Amino acid sequence: MKSGKFSINRACTVGAAILGVISAAVIAAAFLLTHNPVVVWLELLFSALVFVCVAAFVAFLHCKLVLFSDSLCRTIDDMLDGAAAPLEIYEDENLFCKINHRLARLYEVMGENRESVAKERADLQELISDISHQVKTPIANLQIVNATLLGQPMPEEKRREFLKASRGQLEKLDFLMQAMIKTSRLESGVISLDKKMQPLYDTLAAALGGILFNAERKNIHVSVDCPTDLALAHDRKWTSEALFNILDNAVKYTPADGTIQVSVQSWEFYIKIDITDSGKGIAENRQGIIFKRFYREEEIHDMDGIGIGLYLAREIVTMQGGYIKVTSTVGCGSTFSVFLPHG
């Protein structure tokens, strides 16, 4: 007989049969030994009481199991539908309480998973919406340029102007895609930061090298105060990327003949890197959202950029255990303070 088909009812029947056989054997043995009918009647009465007690216990246990199984099925159905959490059972520690406790914990985990999936879906929808919004303008401009070049004759000089405009839009699309790839790789963990104990001066120099040309074009004076022997554990490539993004924003939004000051200080637990510009400043009610992906202020939409630099900078710094703080006054410039831990 397969154990999978050995039901509870059949087990009870077999148990009752075995108990009956044992009782009959005991009664027969008592009669053969004593030849006293009173002893036999007492044995029969005792056996009947045992049968009644066992039957009552089995009936109680069966009723309890049926009620628990029905409650368990309803609870699981509600959990799958997300309707309600399992009811708390305030009894002594027993099997039912243990199972109910596990169900409650399972419900909490399922709720957390549902919230996580919903958040990821919302983030994905937001990302798709942001990307479609960012690529819409350069694609529309490319279509116009292409239609103009194909639809009408024009002198060579004019044609070269249109081709330069087309190249500018292609570069914008390429920059957007590269920025999105960097962000995606960081967020998904495809690229892990390689923190090594190394001088911060070299990392900062690499970031400054990317903005000096544009700063010179606008005659912006850049000053740097960083100890050459100051070292901390950081990823040089990605930290340089984060600092470059902040410096690049400072150059973009600082008017001609302005200033950018970079100073580095060693605190007890952090290295503080201040990047101060003499630009237009950031309103207080916007300082909390400037690190949002693709965020750009309305009045600067005519300037180059896609609004992902500060977002990427914050992600890089945060992944290294640091943070970024902004202090700014409209019309008086801004200071971005980057804090990186010593260890």
C-alpha atoms as a PDB file:
ATOM      1  CA  MET A   1       0.000   0.000   0.000  1.00  0.00           C
ATOM      2  CA  LYS A   2       1.387   3.391  -0.963  1.00  0.00           C
ATOM      3  CA  SER A   3       1.802   5.817   1.907  1.00  0.00           C
ATOM      4  CA  GLY A   4       0.384   8.631  -0.242  1.00  0.00           C
ATOM      5  CA  LYS A   5      -2.993   6.860  -0.342  1.00  0.00           C
ATOM      6  CA  PHE A   6      -3.057   5.985   3.381  1.00  0.00           C
ATOM      7  CA  SER A   7      -5.742   8.488   4.505  1.00  0.00           C
ATOM      8  CA  ILE A   8      -6.483   9.629   8.051  1.00  0.00           C
ATOM      9  CA  ASN A   9      -9.849   7.801   8.074  1.00  0.00           C
ATOM     10  CA  ARG A  10      -8.189   4.559   7.059  1.00  0.00           C
ATOM     11  CA  ALA A  11      -5.517   5.047   9.717  1.00  0.00           C
ATOM     12  CA  CYS A  12      -8.239   5.539  12.346  1.00  0.00           C
ATOM     13  CA  THR A  13     -10.034   2.369  11.168  1.00  0.00           C
ATOM     14  CA  VAL A  14      -6.847   0.322  11.322  1.00  0.00           C
ATOM     15  CA  GLY A  15      -6.002   1.748  14.755  1.00  0.00           C
ATOM     16  CA  ALA A  16      -9.476   0.923  16.073  1.00  0.00           C
ATOM     17  CA  ALA A  17      -9.209  -2.623  14.719  1.00  0.00           C
ATOM     18  CA  ILE A  18      -5.818  -3.126  16.374  1.00  0.00           C
ATOM     19  CA  LEU A  19      -7.115  -1.696  19.658  1.00  0.00           C
ATOM     20  CA  GLY A  20     -10.152  -4.024  19.471  1.00  0.00           C
ATOM     21  CA  VAL A  21      -7.966  -7.053  18.860  1.00  0.00           C
ATOM     22  CA  ILE A  22      -5.730  -6.125  21.801  1.00  0.00           C
ATOM     23  CA  SER A  23      -8.749  -5.591  24.046  1.00  0.00           C
ATOM     24  CA  ALA A  24     -10.258  -8.935  23.055  1.00  0.00           C
ATOM     25  CA  ALA A  25      -6.949 -10.677  23.690  1.00  0.00           C
ATOM     26  CA  VAL A  26      -6.626  -9.059  27.129  1.00  0.00           C
ATOM     27  CA  ILE A  27     -10.221 -10.004  28.083  1.00  0.00           C
ATOM     28  CA  ALA A  28      -9.721 -13.608  26.901  1.00  0.00           C
ATOM     29  CA  ALA A  29      -6.460 -13.888  28.815  1.00  0.00           C
ATOM     30  CA  ALA A  30      -8.079 -12.483  31.985  1.00  0.00           C
ATOM     31  CA  PHE A  31     -10.978 -14.963  31.749  1.00  0.00           C
ATOM     32  CA  LEU A  32      -8.656 -17.924  31.190  1.00  0.00           C
ATOM     33  CA  LEU A  33      -6.527 -16.935  34.151  1.00  0.00           C
ATOM     34  CA  THR A  34      -9.284 -16.022  36.642  1.00  0.00           C
ATOM     35  CA  HIS A  35     -12.495 -17.735  35.358  1.00  0.00           C
ATOM     36  CA  ASN A  36     -14.254 -14.802  37.014  1.00  0.00           C
ATOM     37  CA  PRO A  37     -17.074 -13.132  34.997  1.00  0.00           C
ATOM     38  CA  VAL A  38     -16.746  -9.938  37.042  1.00  0.00           C
ATOM     39  CA  VAL A  39     -13.217  -9.438  35.842  1.00  0.00           C
ATOM     40  CA  VAL A  40     -14.389  -9.927  32.271  1.00  0.00           C
ATOM     41  CA  TRP A  41     -17.131  -7.332  32.705  1.00  0.00           C
ATOM     42  CA  LEU A  42     -14.663  -4.910  34.241  1.00  0.00           C
ATOM     43  CA  GLU A  43     -12.293  -5.442  31.299  1.00  0.00           C
ATOM     44  CA  LEU A  44     -15.175  -4.880  28.873  1.00  0.00           C
ATOM     45  CA  LEU A  45     -16.175  -1.678  30.706  1.00  0.00           C
ATOM     46  CA  PHE A  46     -12.566  -0.448  30.715  1.00  0.00           C
ATOM     47  CA  SER A  47     -12.198  -1.217  26.994  1.00  0.00           C
ATOM     48  CA  ALA A  48     -15.460   0.608  26.237  1.00  0.00           C
ATOM     49  CA  LEU A  49     -14.242   3.676  28.163  1.00  0.00           C
ATOM     50  CA  VAL A  50     -10.938   3.600  26.270  1.00  0.00           C
ATOM     51  CA  PHE A  51     -12.792   3.345  22.951  1.00  0.00           C
ATOM     52  CA  VAL A  52     -15.038   6.276  23.889  1.00  0.00           C
ATOM     53  CA  CYS A  53     -12.079   8.437  24.972  1.00  0.00           C
ATOM     54  CA  VAL A  54     -10.079   7.613  21.868  1.00  0.00           C
ATOM     55  CA  ALA A  55     -13.111   8.214  19.625  1.00  0.00           C
ATOM     56  CA  ALA A  56     -13.779  11.595  21.320  1.00  0.00           C
ATOM     57  CA  PHE A  57     -10.131  12.609  20.942  1.00  0.00           C
ATOM     58  CA  VAL A  58     -10.046  11.560  17.281  1.00  0.00           C
ATOM     59  CA  ALA A  59     -13.312  13.415  16.604  1.00  0.00           C
ATOM     60  CA  PHE A  60     -11.964  16.527  18.328  1.00  0.00           C
ATOM     61  CA  LEU A  61      -8.694  16.309  16.423  1.00  0.00           C
ATOM     62  CA  HIS A  62     -10.519  15.754  13.131  1.00  0.00           C
ATOM     63  CA  CYS A  63     -12.775  18.748  13.756  1.00  0.00           C
ATOM     64  CA  LYS A  64      -9.753  20.868  14.680  1.00  0.00           C
ATOM     65  CA  LEU A  65      -7.884  19.803  11.545  1.00  0.00           C
ATOM     66  CA  VAL A  66     -10.884  20.489   9.306  1.00  0.00           C
ATOM     67  CA  LEU A  67     -11.389  23.955  10.777  1.00  0.00           C
ATOM     68  CA  PHE A  68      -7.666  24.743  10.514  1.00  0.00           C
ATOM     69  CA  SER A  69      -7.419  23.469   6.929  1.00  0.00           C
ATOM     70  CA  ASP A  70     -10.448  25.570   5.915  1.00  0.00           C
ATOM     71  CA  SER A  71      -8.968  28.615   7.641  1.00  0.00           C
ATOM     72  CA  LEU A  72      -5.581  27.917   6.050  1.00  0.00           C
ATOM     73  CA  CYS A  73      -7.072  27.699   2.560  1.00  0.00           C
ATOM     74  CA  ARG A  74      -9.013  30.942   3.037  1.00  0.00           C
ATOM     75  CA  THR A  75      -5.925  32.674   4.393  1.00  0.00           C
ATOM     76  CA  ILE A  76      -3.753  31.534   1.491  1.00  0.00           C
ATOM     77  CA  ASP A  77      -6.422  32.645  -1.012  1.00  0.00           C
ATOM     78  CA  ASP A  78      -6.573  36.067   0.658  1.00  0.00           C
ATOM     79  CA  MET A  79      -2.779  36.283   0.667  1.00  0.00           C
ATOM     80  CA  LEU A  80      -2.605  35.481  -3.044  1.00  0.00           C
ATOM     81  CA  ASP A  81      -5.231  38.146  -3.724  1.00  0.00           C
ATOM     82  CA  GLY A  82      -3.473  40.589  -1.407  1.00  0.00           C
ATOM     83  CA  ALA A  83      -6.736  41.111   0.454  1.00  0.00           C
ATOM     84  CA  ALA A  84      -5.813  40.617   4.096  1.00  0.00           C
ATOM     85  CA  ALA A  85      -3.085  39.477   6.429  1.00  0.00           C
ATOM     86  CA  PRO A  86      -3.438  36.257   8.480  1.00  0.00           C
ATOM     87  CA  LEU A  87      -5.311  36.705  11.752  1.00  0.00           C
ATOM     88  CA  GLU A  88      -3.188  36.622  14.883  1.00  0.00           C
ATOM     89  CA  ILE A  89      -3.770  33.582  17.119  1.00  0.00           C
ATOM     90  CA  TYR A  90      -3.184  34.371  20.783  1.00  0.00           C
ATOM     91  CA  GLU A  91      -2.826  30.896  22.263  1.00  0.00           C
ATOM     92  CA  ASP A  92      -0.139  28.823  23.885  1.00  0.00           C
ATOM     93  CA  GLU A  93       2.739  27.763  21.682  1.00  0.00           C
ATOM     94  CA  ASN A  94       1.540  24.900  19.486  1.00  0.00           C
ATOM     95  CA  LEU A  95       1.712  23.675  15.913  1.00  0.00           C
ATOM     96  CA  PHE A  96      -1.164  25.863  14.726  1.00  0.00           C
ATOM     97  CA  CYS A  97       0.422  28.994  16.186  1.00  0.00           C
ATOM     98  CA  LYS A  98       3.733  28.151  14.536  1.00  0.00           C
ATOM     99  CA  ILE A  99       2.119  27.694  11.133  1.00  0.00           C
ATOM    100  CA  ASN A 100       0.098  30.894  11.540  1.00  0.00           C
ATOM    101  CA  HIS A 101       3.254  32.795  12.507  1.00  0.00           C
ATOM    102  CA  ARG A 102       5.024  31.521   9.374  1.00  0.00           C
ATOM    103  CA  LEU A 103       2.031  32.530   7.256  1.00  0.00           C
ATOM    104  CA  ALA A 104       2.079  36.030   8.717  1.00  0.00           C
ATOM    105  CA  ARG A 105       5.783  36.324   7.930  1.00  0.00           C
ATOM    106  CA  LEU A 106       5.172  34.972   4.409  1.00  0.00           C
ATOM    107  CA  TYR A 107       2.429  37.564   3.911  1.00  0.00           C
ATOM    108  CA  GLU A 108       4.822  40.357   4.933  1.00  0.00           C
ATOM    109  CA  VAL A 109       7.466  39.105   2.497  1.00  0.00           C
ATOM    110  CA  MET A 110       4.901  38.858  -0.310  1.00  0.00           C
ATOM    111  CA  GLY A 111       3.735  42.401   0.448  1.00  0.00           C
ATOM    112  CA  GLU A 112       7.306  43.689   0.324  1.00  0.00           C
ATOM    113  CA  ASN A 113       7.867  41.887  -2.976  1.00  0.00           C
ATOM    114  CA  ARG A 114       4.670  43.371  -4.437  1.00  0.00           C
ATOM    115  CA  GLU A 115       5.752  46.860  -3.369  1.00  0.00           C
ATOM    116  CA  SER A 116       9.226  46.300  -4.804  1.00  0.00           C
ATOM    117  CA  VAL A 117       7.809  45.099  -8.133  1.00  0.00           C
ATOM    118  CA  ALA A 118       5.385  48.028  -8.255  1.00  0.00           C
ATOM    119  CA  LYS A 119       8.223  50.487  -7.554  1.00  0.00           C
ATOM    120  CA  GLU A 120      10.446  48.920 -10.213  1.00  0.00           C
ATOM    121  CA  ARG A 121       7.573  49.071 -12.717  1.00  0.00           C
ATOM    122  CA  ALA A 122       6.934  52.733 -11.878  1.00  0.00           C
ATOM    123  CA  ASP A 123      10.652  53.536 -12.169  1.00  0.00           C
ATOM    124  CA  LEU A 124      10.814  51.753 -15.525  1.00  0.00           C
ATOM    125  CA  GLN A 125       7.795  53.650 -16.834  1.00  0.00           C
ATOM    126  CA  GLU A 126       9.312  56.921 -15.631  1.00  0.00           C
ATOM    127  CA  LEU A 127      12.636  56.058 -17.252  1.00  0.00           C
ATOM    128  CA  ILE A 128      10.988  55.189 -20.574  1.00  0.00           C
ATOM    129  CA  SER A 129       8.997  58.422 -20.451  1.00  0.00           C
ATOM    130  CA  ASP A 130      12.122  60.460 -19.671  1.00  0.00           C
ATOM    131  CA  ILE A 131      14.157  58.846 -22.449  1.00  0.00           C
ATOM    132  CA  SER A 132      11.388  59.325 -25.017  1.00  0.00           C
ATOM    133  CA  HIS A 133      11.141  62.978 -24.005  1.00  0.00           C
ATOM    134  CA  GLN A 134      14.902  63.476 -24.268  1.00  0.00           C
ATOM    135  CA  VAL A 135      15.317  61.856 -27.695  1.00  0.00           C
ATOM    136  CA  LYS A 136      12.209  63.418 -29.198  1.00  0.00           C
ATOM    137  CA  THR A 137      13.770  66.837 -29.881  1.00  0.00           C
ATOM    138  CA  PRO A 138      17.055  65.718 -31.520  1.00  0.00           C
ATOM    139  CA  ILE A 139      15.238  63.122 -33.640  1.00  0.00           C
ATOM    140  CA  ALA A 140      12.717  65.733 -34.790  1.00  0.00           C
ATOM    141  CA  ASN A 141      15.577  68.120 -35.646  1.00  0.00           C
ATOM    142  CA  LEU A 142      17.400  65.392 -37.576  1.00  0.00           C
ATOM    143  CA  GLN A 143      14.252  64.621 -39.544  1.00  0.00           C
ATOM    144  CA  ILE A 144      13.840  68.291 -40.450  1.00  0.00           C
ATOM    145  CA  VAL A 145      17.480  68.629 -41.513  1.00  0.00           C
ATOM    146  CA  ASN A 146      17.325  65.418 -43.525  1.00  0.00           C
ATOM    147  CA  ALA A 147      14.086  66.440 -45.250  1.00  0.00           C
ATOM    148  CA  THR A 148      15.553  69.839 -46.097  1.00  0.00           C
ATOM    149  CA  LEU A 149      18.746  68.363 -47.552  1.00  0.00           C
ATOM    150  CA  LEU A 150      16.799  65.856 -49.648  1.00  0.00           C
ATOM    151  CA  GLY A 151      13.978  68.150 -50.698  1.00  0.00           C
ATOM    152  CA  GLN A 152      15.653  71.232 -52.083  1.00  0.00           C
ATOM    153  CA  PRO A 153      18.938  72.228 -53.719  1.00  0.00           C
ATOM    154  CA  MET A 154      21.210  74.590 -51.809  1.00  0.00           C
ATOM    155  CA  PRO A 155      24.723  75.994 -52.050  1.00  0.00           C
ATOM    156  CA  GLU A 156      27.604  74.016 -50.610  1.00  0.00           C
ATOM    157  CA  GLU A 157      28.101  76.434 -47.707  1.00  0.00           C
ATOM    158  CA  LYS A 158      24.451  76.138 -46.651  1.00  0.00           C
ATOM    159  CA  ARG A 159      24.570  72.379 -46.977  1.00  0.00           C
ATOM    160  CA  ARG A 160      27.614  72.257 -44.684  1.00  0.00           C
ATOM    161  CA  GLU A 161      25.725  74.326 -42.085  1.00  0.00           C
ATOM    162  CA  PHE A 162      22.879  71.809 -42.129  1.00  0.00           C
ATOM    163  CA  LEU A 163      25.347  68.916 -41.820  1.00  0.00           C
ATOM    164  CA  LYS A 164      27.005  70.586 -38.830  1.00  0.00           C
ATOM    165  CA  ALA A 165      23.597  71.012 -37.217  1.00  0.00           C
ATOM    166  CA  SER A 166      22.887  67.340 -37.896  1.00  0.00           C
ATOM    167  CA  ARG A 167      26.208  66.343 -36.339  1.00  0.00           C
ATOM    168  CA  GLY A 168      25.373  68.354 -33.227  1.00  0.00           C
ATOM    169  CA  GLN A 169      22.079  66.484 -32.793  1.00  0.00           C
ATOM    170  CA  LEU A 170      23.810  63.137 -33.333  1.00  0.00           C
ATOM    171  CA  GLU A 171      26.390  64.036 -30.685  1.00  0.00           C
ATOM    172  CA  LYS A 172      23.582  64.897 -28.288  1.00  0.00           C
ATOM    173  CA  LEU A 173      21.943  61.515 -28.895  1.00  0.00           C
ATOM    174  CA  ASP A 174      25.265  59.746 -28.436  1.00  0.00           C
ATOM    175  CA  PHE A 175      25.919  61.638 -25.192  1.00  0.00           C
ATOM    176  CA  LEU A 176      22.460  60.691 -23.935  1.00  0.00           C
ATOM    177  CA  MET A 177      22.979  57.020 -24.726  1.00  0.00           C
ATOM    178  CA  GLN A 178      26.413  56.947 -23.106  1.00  0.00           C
ATOM    179  CA  ALA A 179      25.080  58.626 -19.968  1.00  0.00           C
ATOM    180  CA  MET A 180      22.181  56.164 -19.823  1.00  0.00           C
ATOM    181  CA  ILE A 181      24.556  53.213 -20.237  1.00  0.00           C
ATOM    182  CA  LYS A 182      26.754  54.459 -17.382  1.00  0.00           C
ATOM    183  CA  THR A 183      23.736  54.988 -15.133  1.00  0.00           C
ATOM    184  CA  SER A 184      22.221  51.617 -15.997  1.00  0.00           C
ATOM    185  CA  ARG A 185      25.465  49.763 -15.332  1.00  0.00           C
ATOM    186  CA  LEU A 186      25.926  51.453 -11.973  1.00  0.00           C
ATOM    187  CA  GLU A 187      22.327  50.863 -10.846  1.00  0.00           C
ATOM    188  CA  SER A 188      22.260  47.228 -11.969  1.00  0.00           C
ATOM    189  CA  GLY A 189      25.620  46.442 -10.397  1.00  0.00           C
ATOM    190  CA  VAL A 190      27.179  45.397 -13.717  1.00  0.00           C
ATOM    191  CA  ILE A 191      30.058  47.752 -12.923  1.00  0.00           C
ATOM    192  CA  SER A 192      31.435  47.517  -9.392  1.00  0.00           C
ATOM    193  CA  LEU A 193      33.517  50.334  -7.995  1.00  0.00           C
ATOM    194  CA  ASP A 194      37.175  49.473  -7.407  1.00  0.00           C
ATOM    195  CA  LYS A 195      38.134  51.435  -4.296  1.00  0.00           C
ATOM    196  CA  LYS A 196      41.874  51.758  -3.723  1.00  0.00           C
ATOM    197  CA  MET A 197      43.945  53.941  -1.419  1.00  0.00           C
ATOM    198  CA  GLN A 198      45.313  56.595  -3.792  1.00  0.00           C
ATOM    199  CA  PRO A 199      45.926  60.376  -3.956  1.00  0.00           C
ATOM    200  CA  LEU A 200      42.831  62.502  -4.419  1.00  0.00           C
ATOM    201  CA  TYR A 201      44.866  65.180  -6.203  1.00  0.00           C
ATOM    202  CA  ASP A 202      45.299  63.026  -9.338  1.00  0.00           C
ATOM    203  CA  THR A 203      41.583  62.200  -9.437  1.00  0.00           C
ATOM    204  CA  LEU A 204      40.652  65.862  -9.117  1.00  0.00           C
ATOM    205  CA  ALA A 205      43.200  66.805 -11.803  1.00  0.00           C
ATOM    206  CA  ALA A 206      41.603  64.344 -14.228  1.00  0.00           C
ATOM    207  CA  ALA A 207      38.182  65.891 -13.599  1.00  0.00           C
ATOM    208  CA  LEU A 208      39.510  69.438 -14.035  1.00  0.00           C
ATOM    209  CA  GLY A 209      41.204  68.500 -17.309  1.00  0.00           C
ATOM    210  CA  GLY A 210      37.802  67.925 -18.876  1.00  0.00           C
ATOM    211  CA  ILE A 211      36.463  71.431 -18.171  1.00  0.00           C
ATOM    212  CA  LEU A 212      39.506  73.698 -18.624  1.00  0.00           C
ATOM    213  CA  PHE A 213      38.931  74.290 -22.354  1.00  0.00           C
ATOM    214  CA  ASN A 214      35.329  75.429 -21.895  1.00  0.00           C
ATOM    215  CA  ALA A 215      36.346  77.495 -18.857  1.00  0.00           C
ATOM    216  CA  GLU A 216      39.021  79.292 -20.894  1.00  0.00           C
ATOM    217  CA  ARG A 217      36.536  80.004 -23.685  1.00  0.00           C
ATOM    218  CA  LYS A 218      34.342  81.858 -21.158  1.00  0.00           C
ATOM    219  CA  ASN A 219      37.370  83.377 -19.381  1.00  0.00           C
ATOM    220  CA  ILE A 220      36.373  81.686 -16.120  1.00  0.00           C
ATOM    221  CA  HIS A 221      39.118  81.642 -13.520  1.00  0.00           C
ATOM    222  CA  VAL A 222      39.507  78.209 -11.883  1.00  0.00           C
ATOM    223  CA  SER A 223      41.457  77.928  -8.621  1.00  0.00           C
ATOM    224  CA  VAL A 224      42.293  74.713  -6.802  1.00  0.00           C
ATOM    225  CA  ASP A 225      43.400  74.139  -3.210  1.00  0.00           C
ATOM    226  CA  CYS A 226      44.112  70.437  -2.669  1.00  0.00           C
ATOM    227  CA  PRO A 227      46.997  68.864  -0.711  1.00  0.00           C
ATOM    228  CA  THR A 228      49.073  66.674  -3.029  1.00  0.00           C
ATOM    229  CA  ASP A 229      49.705  64.059  -0.326  1.00  0.00           C
ATOM    230  CA  LEU A 230      46.056  63.603   0.674  1.00  0.00           C
ATOM    231  CA  ALA A 231      44.965  60.008  -0.042  1.00  0.00           C
ATOM    232  CA  LEU A 232      41.761  58.063   0.533  1.00  0.00           C
ATOM    233  CA  ALA A 233      40.146  54.840  -0.658  1.00  0.00           C
ATOM    234  CA  HIS A 234      38.105  55.622  -3.767  1.00  0.00           C
ATOM    235  CA  ASP A 235      37.505  54.572  -7.362  1.00  0.00           C
ATOM    236  CA  ARG A 236      39.544  57.030  -9.440  1.00  0.00           C
ATOM    237  CA  LYS A 237      37.661  56.623 -12.733  1.00  0.00           C
ATOM    238  CA  TRP A 238      34.124  56.974 -11.380  1.00  0.00           C
ATOM    239  CA  THR A 239      34.970  59.559  -8.735  1.00  0.00           C
ATOM    240  CA  SER A 240      36.597  61.645 -11.462  1.00  0.00           C
ATOM    241  CA  GLU A 241      33.389  61.225 -13.496  1.00  0.00           C
ATOM    242  CA  ALA A 242      31.287  62.493 -10.572  1.00  0.00           C
ATOM    243  CA  LEU A 243      33.516  65.517  -9.932  1.00  0.00           C
ATOM    244  CA  PHE A 244      33.659  66.310 -13.658  1.00  0.00           C
ATOM    245  CA  ASN A 245      29.852  66.364 -13.855  1.00  0.00           C
ATOM    246  CA  ILE A 246      29.656  68.881 -11.015  1.00  0.00           C
ATOM    247  CA  LEU A 247      32.461  71.004 -12.466  1.00  0.00           C
ATOM    248  CA  ASP A 248      30.918  70.864 -15.942  1.00  0.00           C
ATOM    249  CA  ASN A 249      27.637  72.221 -14.543  1.00  0.00           C
ATOM    250  CA  ALA A 250      29.565  74.984 -12.786  1.00  0.00           C
ATOM    251  CA  VAL A 251      31.161  76.034 -16.085  1.00  0.00           C
ATOM    252  CA  LYS A 252      27.859  75.911 -17.980  1.00  0.00           C
ATOM    253  CA  TYR A 253      25.926  78.064 -15.529  1.00  0.00           C
ATOM    254  CA  THR A 254      28.680  80.524 -14.596  1.00  0.00           C
ATOM    255  CA  PRO A 255      28.722  83.638 -16.794  1.00  0.00           C
ATOM    256  CA  ALA A 256      31.814  84.826 -18.651  1.00  0.00           C
ATOM    257  CA  ASP A 257      34.622  86.259 -16.493  1.00  0.00           C
ATOM    258  CA  GLY A 258      33.290  84.324 -13.485  1.00  0.00           C
ATOM    259  CA  THR A 259      35.164  82.165 -10.984  1.00  0.00           C
ATOM    260  CA  ILE A 260      35.177  78.537  -9.862  1.00  0.00           C
ATOM    261  CA  GLN A 261      36.962  77.590  -6.647  1.00  0.00           C
ATOM    262  CA  VAL A 262      37.799  74.018  -5.654  1.00  0.00           C
ATOM    263  CA  SER A 263      38.989  73.342  -2.111  1.00  0.00           C
ATOM    264  CA  VAL A 264      39.652  70.085  -0.293  1.00  0.00           C
ATOM    265  CA  GLN A 265      39.637  69.605   3.467  1.00  0.00           C
ATOM    266  CA  SER A 266      40.356  66.508   5.564  1.00  0.00           C
ATOM    267  CA  TRP A 267      37.877  65.949   8.388  1.00  0.00           C
ATOM    268  CA  GLU A 268      37.867  63.233  11.029  1.00  0.00           C
ATOM    269  CA  PHE A 269      35.699  60.766   9.096  1.00  0.00           C
ATOM    270  CA  TYR A 270      35.313  62.397   5.657  1.00  0.00           C
ATOM    271  CA  ILE A 271      37.215  64.214   2.946  1.00  0.00           C
ATOM    272  CA  LYS A 272      35.246  67.326   1.957  1.00  0.00           C
ATOM    273  CA  ILE A 273      35.517  68.654  -1.605  1.00  0.00           C
ATOM    274  CA  ASP A 274      33.907  72.070  -2.119  1.00  0.00           C
ATOM    275  CA  ILE A 275      33.172  73.255  -5.674  1.00  0.00           C
ATOM    276  CA  THR A 276      32.043  76.883  -5.536  1.00  0.00           C
ATOM    277  CA  ASP A 277      30.980  78.918  -8.577  1.00  0.00           C
ATOM    278  CA  SER A 278      29.840  82.498  -9.155  1.00  0.00           C
ATOM    279  CA  GLY A 279      26.899  81.447 -11.290  1.00  0.00           C
ATOM    280  CA  LYS A 280      23.215  82.237 -11.157  1.00  0.00           C
ATOM    281  CA  GLY A 281      22.556  80.116  -8.066  1.00  0.00           C
ATOM    282  CA  ILE A 282      19.757  77.665  -7.295  1.00  0.00           C
ATOM    283  CA  ALA A 283      16.500  78.553  -5.565  1.00  0.00           C
ATOM    284  CA  GLU A 284      16.029  76.871  -2.178  1.00  0.00           C
ATOM    285  CA  ASN A 285      12.839  75.072  -3.243  1.00  0.00           C
ATOM    286  CA  ARG A 286      14.739  73.438  -6.139  1.00  0.00           C
ATOM    287  CA  GLN A 287      17.846  72.305  -4.285  1.00  0.00           C
ATOM    288  CA  GLY A 288      16.190  69.045  -3.288  1.00  0.00           C
ATOM    289  CA  ILE A 289      15.253  67.989  -6.827  1.00  0.00           C
ATOM    290  CA  ILE A 290      18.289  68.980  -8.895  1.00  0.00           C
ATOM    291  CA  PHE A 291      19.716  65.457  -8.466  1.00  0.00           C
ATOM    292  CA  LYS A 292      16.644  63.878 -10.027  1.00  0.00           C
ATOM    293  CA  ARG A 293      17.318  62.100 -13.305  1.00  0.00           C
ATOM    294  CA  PHE A 294      16.702  64.352 -16.362  1.00  0.00           C
ATOM    295  CA  TYR A 295      15.745  67.320 -14.186  1.00  0.00           C
ATOM    296  CA  ARG A 296      16.456  70.706 -15.756  1.00  0.00           C
ATOM    297  CA  GLU A 297      15.193  74.126 -14.786  1.00  0.00           C
ATOM    298  CA  GLU A 298      12.804  75.771 -17.202  1.00  0.00           C
ATOM    299  CA  GLU A 299      14.947  78.864 -17.781  1.00  0.00           C
ATOM    300  CA  ILE A 300      18.008  76.883 -18.941  1.00  0.00           C
ATOM    301  CA  HIS A 301      16.400  74.543 -21.466  1.00  0.00           C
ATOM    302  CA  ASP A 302      18.124  76.446 -24.265  1.00  0.00           C
ATOM    303  CA  MET A 303      21.548  75.395 -22.926  1.00  0.00           C
ATOM    304  CA  ASP A 304      23.305  72.144 -23.785  1.00  0.00           C
ATOM    305  CA  GLY A 305      22.682  69.264 -21.421  1.00  0.00           C
ATOM    306  CA  ILE A 306      20.213  66.507 -20.630  1.00  0.00           C
ATOM    307  CA  GLY A 307      19.996  66.780 -16.840  1.00  0.00           C
ATOM    308  CA  ILE A 308      21.684  63.528 -15.890  1.00  0.00           C
ATOM    309  CA  GLY A 309      25.111  64.708 -14.695  1.00  0.00           C
ATOM    310  CA  LEU A 310      24.181  65.511 -11.095  1.00  0.00           C
ATOM    311  CA  TYR A 311      22.088  62.351 -10.835  1.00  0.00           C
ATOM    312  CA  LEU A 312      25.047  60.256 -11.954  1.00  0.00           C
ATOM    313  CA  ALA A 313      27.399  62.147  -9.597  1.00  0.00           C
ATOM    314  CA  ARG A 314      25.177  61.439  -6.597  1.00  0.00           C
ATOM    315  CA  GLU A 315      24.890  57.740  -7.492  1.00  0.00           C
ATOM    316  CA  ILE A 316      28.684  57.387  -7.737  1.00  0.00           C
ATOM    317  CA  VAL A 317      29.359  59.199  -4.464  1.00  0.00           C
ATOM    318  CA  THR A 318      26.590  57.341  -2.606  1.00  0.00           C
ATOM    319  CA  MET A 319      27.879  53.961  -3.775  1.00  0.00           C
ATOM    320  CA  GLN A 320      31.223  54.828  -2.139  1.00  0.00           C
ATOM    321  CA  GLY A 321      29.587  55.629   1.190  1.00  0.00           C
ATOM    322  CA  GLY A 322      29.575  59.406   0.724  1.00  0.00           C
ATOM    323  CA  TYR A 323      27.038  62.119   0.052  1.00  0.00           C
ATOM    324  CA  ILE A 324      26.648  65.509  -1.661  1.00  0.00           C
ATOM    325  CA  LYS A 325      25.371  68.706  -0.032  1.00  0.00           C
ATOM    326  CA  VAL A 326      24.301  71.896  -1.826  1.00  0.00           C
ATOM    327  CA  THR A 327      24.262  75.448  -0.500  1.00  0.00           C
ATOM    328  CA  SER A 328      23.194  78.208  -2.862  1.00  0.00           C
ATOM    329  CA  THR A 329      21.671  81.654  -3.079  1.00  0.00           C
ATOM    330  CA  VAL A 330      20.006  82.950  -6.226  1.00  0.00           C
ATOM    331  CA  GLY A 331      22.331  85.409  -7.956  1.00  0.00           C
ATOM    332  CA  CYS A 332      25.292  84.604  -5.700  1.00  0.00           C
ATOM    333  CA  GLY A 333      26.463  81.244  -6.987  1.00  0.00           C
ATOM    334  CA  SER A 334      26.414  77.714  -5.548  1.00  0.00           C
ATOM    335  CA  THR A 335      28.643  75.393  -3.545  1.00  0.00           C
ATOM    336  CA  PHE A 336      28.505  71.645  -4.077  1.00  0.00           C
ATOM    337  CA  SER A 337      30.160  69.821  -1.181  1.00  0.00           C
ATOM    338  CA  VAL A 338      31.202  66.220  -1.857  1.00  0.00           C
ATOM    339  CA  PHE A 339      31.891  64.105   1.233  1.00  0.00           C
ATOM    340  CA  LEU A 340      33.878  60.887   0.773  1.00  0.00           C
ATOM    341  CA  PRO A 341      34.756  58.616   3.727  1.00  0.00           C
ATOM    342  CA  HIS A 342      38.401  58.033   4.599  1.00  0.00           C
ATOM    343  CA  GLY A 343      38.059  54.253   4.658  1.00  0.00           C
END
